[in-house]
């Protein structure tokens, strides 16, 4: 639930409001821009929110649970703010977007309604459109490594190291340890964990066989 300033709450309760949207956009290189859909520039917290950019937002879809919010913003390409060259260079990708509902007659009466990031950015003539992703989308990002028996490299990439001129390269790789060993003699670069125990081992009861040296683990690839 949003905590509204007293003045803004009173304005909303009166039924007569002077509201606009403002967006504070912080790129990953630390450069900060302010935009508003009001017809003149506004200033608060030391940042001027420009009205000339044509910046505006669409409705944001919100769902219960961990599903990320989704929306969009659009604006005009401008030599002083959002340029085509900066978009192509990736400077705006992943920028942090803070959205404010502001009383334009008194910008101190405002409330931050959302925080998101810019996703895919598309250019159309002299305008741009960008996805607006709620911060929950980070929960869908894979970080670190996946521990599994099979290799997680792609055949021939830098982590795999197999030369595309290898005589068996066209046969491909099913990412099993045995294939890496027998087909490509590339076990030093195998990026899986072939001797990782599975659920069957973890759930098994003690075996009657007195020899338990681990010698049978992973031999099948």
C-alpha atoms as a PDB file:
ATOM      1  CA  UNK A   1       0.000   0.000   0.000  1.00  0.00           C
ATOM      2  CA  UNK A   2       1.316   3.451  -0.960  1.00  0.00           C
ATOM      3  CA  UNK A   3       1.934   6.013   1.774  1.00  0.00           C
ATOM      4  CA  UNK A   4       0.628   9.252   0.305  1.00  0.00           C
ATOM      5  CA  UNK A   5       1.806  12.701   1.460  1.00  0.00           C
ATOM      6  CA  UNK A   6      -0.956  14.501   3.327  1.00  0.00           C
ATOM      7  CA  UNK A   7      -1.356  17.146   0.632  1.00  0.00           C
ATOM      8  CA  UNK A   8      -1.602  14.590  -2.166  1.00  0.00           C
ATOM      9  CA  UNK A   9      -4.058  12.474  -0.200  1.00  0.00           C
ATOM     10  CA  UNK A  10      -6.245  15.530   0.421  1.00  0.00           C
ATOM     11  CA  UNK A  11      -6.127  16.442  -3.263  1.00  0.00           C
ATOM     12  CA  UNK A  12      -7.198  12.959  -4.281  1.00  0.00           C
ATOM     13  CA  UNK A  13      -9.987  12.963  -1.714  1.00  0.00           C
ATOM     14  CA  UNK A  14     -11.310  16.270  -3.037  1.00  0.00           C
ATOM     15  CA  UNK A  15     -11.902  14.859  -6.501  1.00  0.00           C
ATOM     16  CA  UNK A  16     -10.015  17.747  -8.129  1.00  0.00           C
ATOM     17  CA  UNK A  17      -6.415  16.839  -8.940  1.00  0.00           C
ATOM     18  CA  UNK A  18      -3.484  18.316 -10.819  1.00  0.00           C
ATOM     19  CA  UNK A  19      -1.530  15.129 -11.410  1.00  0.00           C
ATOM     20  CA  UNK A  20       1.054  14.017 -13.937  1.00  0.00           C
ATOM     21  CA  UNK A  21       3.566  11.208 -14.327  1.00  0.00           C
ATOM     22  CA  UNK A  22       7.324  11.576 -13.878  1.00  0.00           C
ATOM     23  CA  UNK A  23      10.036   9.044 -14.586  1.00  0.00           C
ATOM     24  CA  UNK A  24      13.538   9.049 -13.127  1.00  0.00           C
ATOM     25  CA  UNK A  25      15.760   6.888 -15.339  1.00  0.00           C
ATOM     26  CA  UNK A  26      19.212   5.842 -14.126  1.00  0.00           C
ATOM     27  CA  UNK A  27      21.370   4.169 -16.735  1.00  0.00           C
ATOM     28  CA  UNK A  28      23.876   1.518 -15.746  1.00  0.00           C
ATOM     29  CA  UNK A  29      26.720   3.974 -16.403  1.00  0.00           C
ATOM     30  CA  UNK A  30      25.286   6.206 -13.646  1.00  0.00           C
ATOM     31  CA  UNK A  31      23.846   8.953 -15.879  1.00  0.00           C
ATOM     32  CA  UNK A  32      20.395  10.082 -14.651  1.00  0.00           C
ATOM     33  CA  UNK A  33      17.551  11.541 -16.728  1.00  0.00           C
ATOM     34  CA  UNK A  34      14.142  12.873 -15.761  1.00  0.00           C
ATOM     35  CA  UNK A  35      11.029  12.826 -17.953  1.00  0.00           C
ATOM     36  CA  UNK A  36       7.427  13.923 -17.451  1.00  0.00           C
ATOM     37  CA  UNK A  37       4.211  13.800 -19.453  1.00  0.00           C
ATOM     38  CA  UNK A  38       3.274  17.256 -18.135  1.00  0.00           C
ATOM     39  CA  UNK A  39       3.377  20.196 -20.588  1.00  0.00           C
ATOM     40  CA  UNK A  40       6.253  21.931 -18.798  1.00  0.00           C
ATOM     41  CA  UNK A  41       9.410  20.881 -17.008  1.00  0.00           C
ATOM     42  CA  UNK A  42       9.237  19.990 -13.324  1.00  0.00           C
ATOM     43  CA  UNK A  43      12.032  19.849 -10.750  1.00  0.00           C
ATOM     44  CA  UNK A  44      12.312  17.892  -7.506  1.00  0.00           C
ATOM     45  CA  UNK A  45      15.088  16.105  -5.627  1.00  0.00           C
ATOM     46  CA  UNK A  46      17.624  18.106  -7.628  1.00  0.00           C
ATOM     47  CA  UNK A  47      16.570  16.653 -11.003  1.00  0.00           C
ATOM     48  CA  UNK A  48      14.688  18.381 -13.812  1.00  0.00           C
ATOM     49  CA  UNK A  49      12.020  16.265 -15.466  1.00  0.00           C
ATOM     50  CA  UNK A  50      11.767  17.394 -19.078  1.00  0.00           C
ATOM     51  CA  UNK A  51       8.451  17.672 -20.891  1.00  0.00           C
ATOM     52  CA  UNK A  52       9.859  18.008 -24.417  1.00  0.00           C
ATOM     53  CA  UNK A  53      10.858  14.359 -24.806  1.00  0.00           C
ATOM     54  CA  UNK A  54       7.341  13.075 -25.407  1.00  0.00           C
ATOM     55  CA  UNK A  55       8.110  10.401 -22.819  1.00  0.00           C
ATOM     56  CA  UNK A  56       5.054   8.453 -21.733  1.00  0.00           C
ATOM     57  CA  UNK A  57       4.015   5.122 -20.334  1.00  0.00           C
ATOM     58  CA  UNK A  58       1.399   2.485 -21.003  1.00  0.00           C
ATOM     59  CA  UNK A  59      -0.633   0.537 -18.459  1.00  0.00           C
ATOM     60  CA  UNK A  60       1.394  -1.901 -16.378  1.00  0.00           C
ATOM     61  CA  UNK A  61       0.134  -5.456 -15.983  1.00  0.00           C
ATOM     62  CA  UNK A  62       0.482  -6.792 -12.452  1.00  0.00           C
ATOM     63  CA  UNK A  63      -0.106 -10.335 -11.251  1.00  0.00           C
ATOM     64  CA  UNK A  64      -0.123 -11.990  -7.871  1.00  0.00           C
ATOM     65  CA  UNK A  65       2.826 -14.094  -6.816  1.00  0.00           C
ATOM     66  CA  UNK A  66       6.299 -13.754  -8.308  1.00  0.00           C
ATOM     67  CA  UNK A  67       5.257 -13.020 -11.896  1.00  0.00           C
ATOM     68  CA  UNK A  68       7.063  -9.833 -13.002  1.00  0.00           C
ATOM     69  CA  UNK A  69       5.084  -6.680 -13.759  1.00  0.00           C
ATOM     70  CA  UNK A  70       5.164  -5.711 -17.427  1.00  0.00           C
ATOM     71  CA  UNK A  71       4.497  -2.450 -19.196  1.00  0.00           C
ATOM     72  CA  UNK A  72       6.063  -0.116 -21.733  1.00  0.00           C
ATOM     73  CA  UNK A  73       7.361   3.404 -22.139  1.00  0.00           C
ATOM     74  CA  UNK A  74       7.901   5.426 -25.297  1.00  0.00           C
ATOM     75  CA  UNK A  75       9.384   8.737 -26.280  1.00  0.00           C
ATOM     76  CA  UNK A  76      11.138  10.770 -28.934  1.00  0.00           C
ATOM     77  CA  UNK A  77      14.777  10.324 -29.873  1.00  0.00           C
ATOM     78  CA  UNK A  78      16.592  13.468 -28.816  1.00  0.00           C
ATOM     79  CA  UNK A  79      20.186  14.625 -29.141  1.00  0.00           C
ATOM     80  CA  UNK A  80      20.241  15.718 -25.489  1.00  0.00           C
ATOM     81  CA  UNK A  81      18.649  12.649 -23.909  1.00  0.00           C
ATOM     82  CA  UNK A  82      17.864   9.405 -25.726  1.00  0.00           C
ATOM     83  CA  UNK A  83      19.906   9.039 -28.915  1.00  0.00           C
ATOM     84  CA  UNK A  84      19.871   6.247 -31.467  1.00  0.00           C
ATOM     85  CA  UNK A  85      23.622   5.783 -31.020  1.00  0.00           C
ATOM     86  CA  UNK A  86      23.288   5.295 -27.255  1.00  0.00           C
ATOM     87  CA  UNK A  87      20.498   2.749 -27.775  1.00  0.00           C
ATOM     88  CA  UNK A  88      22.622   0.821 -30.266  1.00  0.00           C
ATOM     89  CA  UNK A  89      25.548   0.927 -27.826  1.00  0.00           C
ATOM     90  CA  UNK A  90      23.367  -0.666 -25.134  1.00  0.00           C
ATOM     91  CA  UNK A  91      23.635   2.288 -22.734  1.00  0.00           C
ATOM     92  CA  UNK A  92      19.906   2.241 -22.013  1.00  0.00           C
ATOM     93  CA  UNK A  93      19.552  -1.528 -21.612  1.00  0.00           C
ATOM     94  CA  UNK A  94      18.707  -2.468 -18.038  1.00  0.00           C
ATOM     95  CA  UNK A  95      18.305   1.163 -16.940  1.00  0.00           C
ATOM     96  CA  UNK A  96      16.459   1.609 -13.639  1.00  0.00           C
ATOM     97  CA  UNK A  97      13.116   3.409 -13.985  1.00  0.00           C
ATOM     98  CA  UNK A  98      11.365   4.968 -10.982  1.00  0.00           C
ATOM     99  CA  UNK A  99       7.814   6.129 -11.648  1.00  0.00           C
ATOM    100  CA  UNK A 100       6.230   8.978  -9.684  1.00  0.00           C
ATOM    101  CA  UNK A 101       2.708  10.373  -9.495  1.00  0.00           C
ATOM    102  CA  UNK A 102       3.185  14.097  -8.957  1.00  0.00           C
ATOM    103  CA  UNK A 103       1.003  17.111  -8.255  1.00  0.00           C
ATOM    104  CA  UNK A 104       2.455  19.450 -10.911  1.00  0.00           C
ATOM    105  CA  UNK A 105       1.343  22.552  -8.981  1.00  0.00           C
ATOM    106  CA  UNK A 106       3.416  21.396  -5.984  1.00  0.00           C
ATOM    107  CA  UNK A 107       5.963  18.662  -6.915  1.00  0.00           C
ATOM    108  CA  UNK A 108       6.701  18.033  -3.237  1.00  0.00           C
ATOM    109  CA  UNK A 109       3.306  16.332  -3.189  1.00  0.00           C
ATOM    110  CA  UNK A 110       4.242  13.115  -4.946  1.00  0.00           C
ATOM    111  CA  UNK A 111       4.483   9.377  -4.453  1.00  0.00           C
ATOM    112  CA  UNK A 112       6.688   6.757  -6.076  1.00  0.00           C
ATOM    113  CA  UNK A 113       4.402   4.130  -7.563  1.00  0.00           C
ATOM    114  CA  UNK A 114       6.839   1.641  -9.077  1.00  0.00           C
ATOM    115  CA  UNK A 115      10.451   0.720  -9.754  1.00  0.00           C
ATOM    116  CA  UNK A 116      11.331  -1.246 -12.864  1.00  0.00           C
ATOM    117  CA  UNK A 117      13.991  -1.761 -15.522  1.00  0.00           C
ATOM    118  CA  UNK A 118      14.068  -1.109 -19.242  1.00  0.00           C
ATOM    119  CA  UNK A 119      13.939  -4.293 -21.282  1.00  0.00           C
ATOM    120  CA  UNK A 120      13.993  -4.595 -25.068  1.00  0.00           C
ATOM    121  CA  UNK A 121      14.177  -1.218 -26.828  1.00  0.00           C
ATOM    122  CA  UNK A 122      12.838  -0.749 -30.375  1.00  0.00           C
ATOM    123  CA  UNK A 123      13.283   2.281 -32.636  1.00  0.00           C
ATOM    124  CA  UNK A 124      10.672   3.538 -35.106  1.00  0.00           C
ATOM    125  CA  UNK A 125      11.691   6.553 -37.180  1.00  0.00           C
ATOM    126  CA  UNK A 126      12.357   9.279 -34.607  1.00  0.00           C
ATOM    127  CA  UNK A 127      10.748   7.487 -31.669  1.00  0.00           C
ATOM    128  CA  UNK A 128      11.580   4.592 -29.401  1.00  0.00           C
ATOM    129  CA  UNK A 129       9.561   2.067 -27.426  1.00  0.00           C
ATOM    130  CA  UNK A 130      10.908   0.069 -24.509  1.00  0.00           C
ATOM    131  CA  UNK A 131       9.638  -2.776 -22.366  1.00  0.00           C
ATOM    132  CA  UNK A 132       9.221  -1.913 -18.710  1.00  0.00           C
ATOM    133  CA  UNK A 133       9.960  -4.932 -16.528  1.00  0.00           C
ATOM    134  CA  UNK A 134       9.174  -5.190 -12.836  1.00  0.00           C
ATOM    135  CA  UNK A 135      12.162  -6.072 -10.661  1.00  0.00           C
ATOM    136  CA  UNK A 136      10.723  -9.558 -10.117  1.00  0.00           C
ATOM    137  CA  UNK A 137      11.953 -10.448 -13.615  1.00  0.00           C
ATOM    138  CA  UNK A 138      15.411 -10.858 -12.069  1.00  0.00           C
ATOM    139  CA  UNK A 139      14.131 -14.003 -10.375  1.00  0.00           C
ATOM    140  CA  UNK A 140      13.951 -15.581 -13.847  1.00  0.00           C
ATOM    141  CA  UNK A 141      17.606 -14.843 -14.615  1.00  0.00           C
ATOM    142  CA  UNK A 142      19.945 -17.823 -14.412  1.00  0.00           C
ATOM    143  CA  UNK A 143      23.087 -16.976 -12.447  1.00  0.00           C
ATOM    144  CA  UNK A 144      26.050 -19.144 -11.673  1.00  0.00           C
ATOM    145  CA  UNK A 145      26.424 -22.700 -12.907  1.00  0.00           C
ATOM    146  CA  UNK A 146      24.024 -25.603 -13.041  1.00  0.00           C
ATOM    147  CA  UNK A 147      25.398 -28.704 -11.343  1.00  0.00           C
ATOM    148  CA  UNK A 148      24.439 -31.686 -13.474  1.00  0.00           C
ATOM    149  CA  UNK A 149      26.039 -34.837 -14.778  1.00  0.00           C
ATOM    150  CA  UNK A 150      25.993 -33.641 -18.374  1.00  0.00           C
ATOM    151  CA  UNK A 151      28.165 -30.887 -19.818  1.00  0.00           C
ATOM    152  CA  UNK A 152      26.672 -27.384 -20.025  1.00  0.00           C
ATOM    153  CA  UNK A 153      29.049 -26.104 -22.737  1.00  0.00           C
ATOM    154  CA  UNK A 154      28.212 -25.955 -26.434  1.00  0.00           C
ATOM    155  CA  UNK A 155      30.255 -28.113 -28.779  1.00  0.00           C
ATOM    156  CA  UNK A 156      33.100 -26.023 -30.183  1.00  0.00           C
ATOM    157  CA  UNK A 157      32.669 -22.958 -27.951  1.00  0.00           C
ATOM    158  CA  UNK A 158      35.400 -21.468 -25.797  1.00  0.00           C
ATOM    159  CA  UNK A 159      34.506 -23.561 -22.760  1.00  0.00           C
ATOM    160  CA  UNK A 160      34.364 -26.774 -24.758  1.00  0.00           C
ATOM    161  CA  UNK A 161      37.513 -26.288 -26.785  1.00  0.00           C
ATOM    162  CA  UNK A 162      36.846 -28.948 -29.440  1.00  0.00           C
ATOM    163  CA  UNK A 163      38.160 -27.753 -32.814  1.00  0.00           C
ATOM    164  CA  UNK A 164      35.435 -27.515 -35.489  1.00  0.00           C
ATOM    165  CA  UNK A 165      37.910 -29.283 -37.787  1.00  0.00           C
ATOM    166  CA  UNK A 166      37.815 -32.379 -35.578  1.00  0.00           C
ATOM    167  CA  UNK A 167      36.897 -35.364 -37.789  1.00  0.00           C
ATOM    168  CA  UNK A 168      33.887 -36.259 -35.608  1.00  0.00           C
ATOM    169  CA  UNK A 169      32.643 -32.694 -35.075  1.00  0.00           C
ATOM    170  CA  UNK A 170      29.707 -33.199 -37.454  1.00  0.00           C
ATOM    171  CA  UNK A 171      28.457 -36.086 -35.304  1.00  0.00           C
ATOM    172  CA  UNK A 172      27.633 -33.616 -32.567  1.00  0.00           C
ATOM    173  CA  UNK A 173      27.703 -34.194 -28.825  1.00  0.00           C
ATOM    174  CA  UNK A 174      24.996 -35.380 -26.454  1.00  0.00           C
ATOM    175  CA  UNK A 175      26.943 -33.740 -23.570  1.00  0.00           C
ATOM    176  CA  UNK A 176      27.591 -37.057 -21.829  1.00  0.00           C
ATOM    177  CA  UNK A 177      30.973 -37.708 -20.243  1.00  0.00           C
ATOM    178  CA  UNK A 178      31.485 -40.889 -22.244  1.00  0.00           C
ATOM    179  CA  UNK A 179      30.950 -39.006 -25.512  1.00  0.00           C
ATOM    180  CA  UNK A 180      33.400 -36.300 -24.519  1.00  0.00           C
ATOM    181  CA  UNK A 181      35.944 -38.933 -23.548  1.00  0.00           C
ATOM    182  CA  UNK A 182      35.575 -41.454 -26.366  1.00  0.00           C
ATOM    183  CA  UNK A 183      34.623 -39.294 -29.338  1.00  0.00           C
ATOM    184  CA  UNK A 184      36.642 -36.145 -28.692  1.00  0.00           C
ATOM    185  CA  UNK A 185      39.283 -37.080 -26.070  1.00  0.00           C
ATOM    186  CA  UNK A 186      38.293 -33.867 -24.337  1.00  0.00           C
ATOM    187  CA  UNK A 187      37.740 -34.881 -20.729  1.00  0.00           C
ATOM    188  CA  UNK A 188      39.883 -32.022 -19.382  1.00  0.00           C
ATOM    189  CA  UNK A 189      37.317 -29.558 -20.721  1.00  0.00           C
ATOM    190  CA  UNK A 190      34.223 -31.503 -19.712  1.00  0.00           C
ATOM    191  CA  UNK A 191      31.921 -28.996 -17.997  1.00  0.00           C
ATOM    192  CA  UNK A 192      29.624 -31.426 -16.210  1.00  0.00           C
ATOM    193  CA  UNK A 193      29.881 -33.454 -13.018  1.00  0.00           C
ATOM    194  CA  UNK A 194      29.778 -37.099 -14.157  1.00  0.00           C
ATOM    195  CA  UNK A 195      30.291 -38.568 -10.698  1.00  0.00           C
ATOM    196  CA  UNK A 196      27.489 -36.655  -9.045  1.00  0.00           C
ATOM    197  CA  UNK A 197      25.168 -39.042  -7.259  1.00  0.00           C
ATOM    198  CA  UNK A 198      21.526 -39.132  -8.272  1.00  0.00           C
ATOM    199  CA  UNK A 199      18.331 -39.408  -6.270  1.00  0.00           C
ATOM    200  CA  UNK A 200      18.409 -43.179  -6.674  1.00  0.00           C
ATOM    201  CA  UNK A 201      21.682 -43.339  -4.711  1.00  0.00           C
ATOM    202  CA  UNK A 202      20.606 -40.818  -2.101  1.00  0.00           C
ATOM    203  CA  UNK A 203      17.403 -42.727  -1.401  1.00  0.00           C
ATOM    204  CA  UNK A 204      18.877 -46.225  -1.552  1.00  0.00           C
ATOM    205  CA  UNK A 205      19.281 -48.349   1.524  1.00  0.00           C
ATOM    206  CA  UNK A 206      22.670 -49.894   2.400  1.00  0.00           C
ATOM    207  CA  UNK A 207      23.615 -52.585  -0.114  1.00  0.00           C
ATOM    208  CA  UNK A 208      24.678 -56.104   0.790  1.00  0.00           C
ATOM    209  CA  UNK A 209      27.813 -55.825  -1.371  1.00  0.00           C
ATOM    210  CA  UNK A 210      30.740 -55.291   1.033  1.00  0.00           C
ATOM    211  CA  UNK A 211      32.827 -53.461  -1.605  1.00  0.00           C
ATOM    212  CA  UNK A 212      31.897 -49.793  -1.761  1.00  0.00           C
ATOM    213  CA  UNK A 213      34.796 -48.028  -3.454  1.00  0.00           C
ATOM    214  CA  UNK A 214      32.737 -45.890  -5.831  1.00  0.00           C
ATOM    215  CA  UNK A 215      34.259 -47.606  -8.806  1.00  0.00           C
ATOM    216  CA  UNK A 216      30.962 -48.073 -10.652  1.00  0.00           C
ATOM    217  CA  UNK A 217      29.853 -44.447 -10.502  1.00  0.00           C
ATOM    218  CA  UNK A 218      29.709 -42.574 -13.796  1.00  0.00           C
ATOM    219  CA  UNK A 219      31.158 -45.343 -15.947  1.00  0.00           C
ATOM    220  CA  UNK A 220      28.098 -45.439 -18.183  1.00  0.00           C
ATOM    221  CA  UNK A 221      28.457 -41.706 -19.074  1.00  0.00           C
END
